[in-house]
Structures are given as C-alpha cells and as structure tokens.
Amino acid sequence: MKKTKKAGFEEKLKELEEIAEKLNEPDCPLEKSLELFEKGVNLSRQLHQELNQAKLRVKKLIGENDTEELKEDLFENAPINKSDD
C-alpha cells in the first residue's frame, strides 16, 4: 500500500541523495541500479518543477520589474568566500 501523503521538498531531496549513495555502491546489481536511477530521475524532475514553481511565486511577490533590482541587492550583500586558508 502506497502512502497517500505527498512528500515535501526536503524529503524528496533526501531520498534523491540516498539513491545517489546507493548507486555509488560497487555491489549494487544492474537491475537494482536501473530501478534506482529511474526513481532518481523522476525525483529530480519533481524537485526541478517545485523549484521553478517557487521561483515563479517569488517573482509574483516582488513583481517582475523588481527582479533585476533584487538580484543586484542579493549579490551586493552576499558574503565573499576567500580560499586563502
């Protein structure tokens, strides 16, 4: 019996990460690898779609004209990572 509750974004992302780990195991059989890969591709598509929907919501909230200004503000205030350590 399948769960009726939809998994949230974070749950799907975690599942995708787990699939990637399993696919990296050298003893994973080919058939299982193909099943995992197919499931991973589907999850990846769902996550991409959810991100696009969130992006559209943000654009609606701030308005299309304000998008470029927001990007500039975000980049101006972003911390600079120095790799001199």
C-alpha atoms as a PDB file:
ATOM      1  CA  MET A   1       0.000   0.000   0.000  1.00  0.00           C
ATOM      2  CA  LYS A   2       1.409   3.372  -1.012  1.00  0.00           C
ATOM      3  CA  LYS A   3       1.444   6.406   1.209  1.00  0.00           C
ATOM      4  CA  THR A   4      -1.197   8.976   0.350  1.00  0.00           C
ATOM      5  CA  LYS A   5       0.691  11.859   1.943  1.00  0.00           C
ATOM      6  CA  LYS A   6       2.827  13.777  -0.539  1.00  0.00           C
ATOM      7  CA  ALA A   7       6.489  14.012   0.341  1.00  0.00           C
ATOM      8  CA  GLY A   8       7.818  17.505   0.881  1.00  0.00           C
ATOM      9  CA  PHE A   9      10.725  19.044  -1.000  1.00  0.00           C
ATOM     10  CA  GLU A  10      13.273  18.255   1.698  1.00  0.00           C
ATOM     11  CA  GLU A  11      12.092  14.646   1.962  1.00  0.00           C
ATOM     12  CA  LYS A  12      12.390  14.194  -1.799  1.00  0.00           C
ATOM     13  CA  LEU A  13      15.840  15.755  -1.806  1.00  0.00           C
ATOM     14  CA  LYS A  14      16.980  13.458   0.994  1.00  0.00           C
ATOM     15  CA  GLU A  15      15.628  10.438  -0.870  1.00  0.00           C
ATOM     16  CA  LEU A  16      17.476  11.539  -4.014  1.00  0.00           C
ATOM     17  CA  GLU A  17      20.706  11.834  -2.025  1.00  0.00           C
ATOM     18  CA  GLU A  18      20.168   8.335  -0.608  1.00  0.00           C
ATOM     19  CA  ILE A  19      19.615   6.975  -4.113  1.00  0.00           C
ATOM     20  CA  ALA A  20      22.853   8.587  -5.282  1.00  0.00           C
ATOM     21  CA  GLU A  21      24.713   6.942  -2.394  1.00  0.00           C
ATOM     22  CA  LYS A  22      23.243   3.527  -3.228  1.00  0.00           C
ATOM     23  CA  LEU A  23      24.165   3.929  -6.902  1.00  0.00           C
ATOM     24  CA  ASN A  24      27.773   4.558  -5.871  1.00  0.00           C
ATOM     25  CA  GLU A  25      27.962   1.221  -4.066  1.00  0.00           C
ATOM     26  CA  PRO A  26      30.109  -1.166  -6.142  1.00  0.00           C
ATOM     27  CA  ASP A  27      27.996  -4.216  -5.275  1.00  0.00           C
ATOM     28  CA  CYS A  28      24.661  -2.738  -6.415  1.00  0.00           C
ATOM     29  CA  PRO A  29      23.188  -5.132  -9.034  1.00  0.00           C
ATOM     30  CA  LEU A  30      22.447  -3.777 -12.501  1.00  0.00           C
ATOM     31  CA  GLU A  31      18.671  -4.234 -12.293  1.00  0.00           C
ATOM     32  CA  LYS A  32      18.525  -2.500  -8.901  1.00  0.00           C
ATOM     33  CA  SER A  33      20.755   0.283 -10.256  1.00  0.00           C
ATOM     34  CA  LEU A  34      18.371   0.851 -13.160  1.00  0.00           C
ATOM     35  CA  GLU A  35      15.373   0.990 -10.805  1.00  0.00           C
ATOM     36  CA  LEU A  36      17.172   3.438  -8.533  1.00  0.00           C
ATOM     37  CA  PHE A  37      18.297   5.546 -11.481  1.00  0.00           C
ATOM     38  CA  GLU A  38      14.749   5.750 -12.847  1.00  0.00           C
ATOM     39  CA  LYS A  39      13.398   6.739  -9.442  1.00  0.00           C
ATOM     40  CA  GLY A  40      16.183   9.310  -9.070  1.00  0.00           C
ATOM     41  CA  VAL A  41      15.419  10.871 -12.447  1.00  0.00           C
ATOM     42  CA  ASN A  42      11.735  11.144 -11.526  1.00  0.00           C
ATOM     43  CA  LEU A  43      12.566  12.729  -8.172  1.00  0.00           C
ATOM     44  CA  SER A  44      14.978  15.122  -9.842  1.00  0.00           C
ATOM     45  CA  ARG A  45      12.277  16.237 -12.274  1.00  0.00           C
ATOM     46  CA  GLN A  46       9.791  16.745  -9.441  1.00  0.00           C
ATOM     47  CA  LEU A  47      12.310  18.790  -7.458  1.00  0.00           C
ATOM     48  CA  HIS A  48      13.158  20.888 -10.501  1.00  0.00           C
ATOM     49  CA  GLN A  49       9.458  21.559 -11.090  1.00  0.00           C
ATOM     50  CA  GLU A  50       8.942  22.565  -7.454  1.00  0.00           C
ATOM     51  CA  LEU A  51      11.908  24.943  -7.627  1.00  0.00           C
ATOM     52  CA  ASN A  52      10.519  26.532 -10.783  1.00  0.00           C
ATOM     53  CA  GLN A  53       7.128  26.980  -9.112  1.00  0.00           C
ATOM     54  CA  ALA A  54       8.770  28.592  -6.091  1.00  0.00           C
ATOM     55  CA  LYS A  55      10.737  30.878  -8.387  1.00  0.00           C
ATOM     56  CA  LEU A  56       7.518  31.984 -10.099  1.00  0.00           C
ATOM     57  CA  ARG A  57       5.875  32.671  -6.731  1.00  0.00           C
ATOM     58  CA  VAL A  58       8.821  34.823  -5.685  1.00  0.00           C
ATOM     59  CA  LYS A  59       8.658  36.736  -8.966  1.00  0.00           C
ATOM     60  CA  LYS A  60       4.942  37.357  -8.436  1.00  0.00           C
ATOM     61  CA  LEU A  61       5.514  38.549  -4.888  1.00  0.00           C
ATOM     62  CA  ILE A  62       8.259  41.004  -5.755  1.00  0.00           C
ATOM     63  CA  GLY A  63       6.971  41.907  -9.189  1.00  0.00           C
ATOM     64  CA  GLU A  64       8.700  41.293 -12.492  1.00  0.00           C
ATOM     65  CA  ASN A  65      10.231  44.784 -12.624  1.00  0.00           C
ATOM     66  CA  ASP A  66      11.841  44.388  -9.226  1.00  0.00           C
ATOM     67  CA  THR A  67      13.526  41.077 -10.095  1.00  0.00           C
ATOM     68  CA  GLU A  68      16.736  42.589 -11.507  1.00  0.00           C
ATOM     69  CA  GLU A  69      16.997  45.005  -8.595  1.00  0.00           C
ATOM     70  CA  LEU A  70      16.561  42.129  -6.140  1.00  0.00           C
ATOM     71  CA  LYS A  71      19.303  40.127  -7.880  1.00  0.00           C
ATOM     72  CA  GLU A  72      21.660  43.091  -7.638  1.00  0.00           C
ATOM     73  CA  ASP A  73      20.865  43.523  -3.938  1.00  0.00           C
ATOM     74  CA  LEU A  74      21.439  39.838  -3.261  1.00  0.00           C
ATOM     75  CA  PHE A  75      24.813  39.844  -4.977  1.00  0.00           C
ATOM     76  CA  GLU A  76      25.929  43.076  -3.319  1.00  0.00           C
ATOM     77  CA  ASN A  77      25.154  41.680   0.135  1.00  0.00           C
ATOM     78  CA  ALA A  78      26.445  38.161  -0.494  1.00  0.00           C
ATOM     79  CA  PRO A  79      29.464  37.142   1.595  1.00  0.00           C
ATOM     80  CA  ILE A  80      32.693  36.661  -0.287  1.00  0.00           C
ATOM     81  CA  ASN A  81      34.352  33.294   0.261  1.00  0.00           C
ATOM     82  CA  LYS A  82      38.108  33.511   0.384  1.00  0.00           C
ATOM     83  CA  SER A  83      40.092  30.338  -0.192  1.00  0.00           C
ATOM     84  CA  ASP A  84      43.385  31.659   1.205  1.00  0.00           C
ATOM     85  CA  ASP A  85      43.123  29.380   4.250  1.00  0.00           C
END
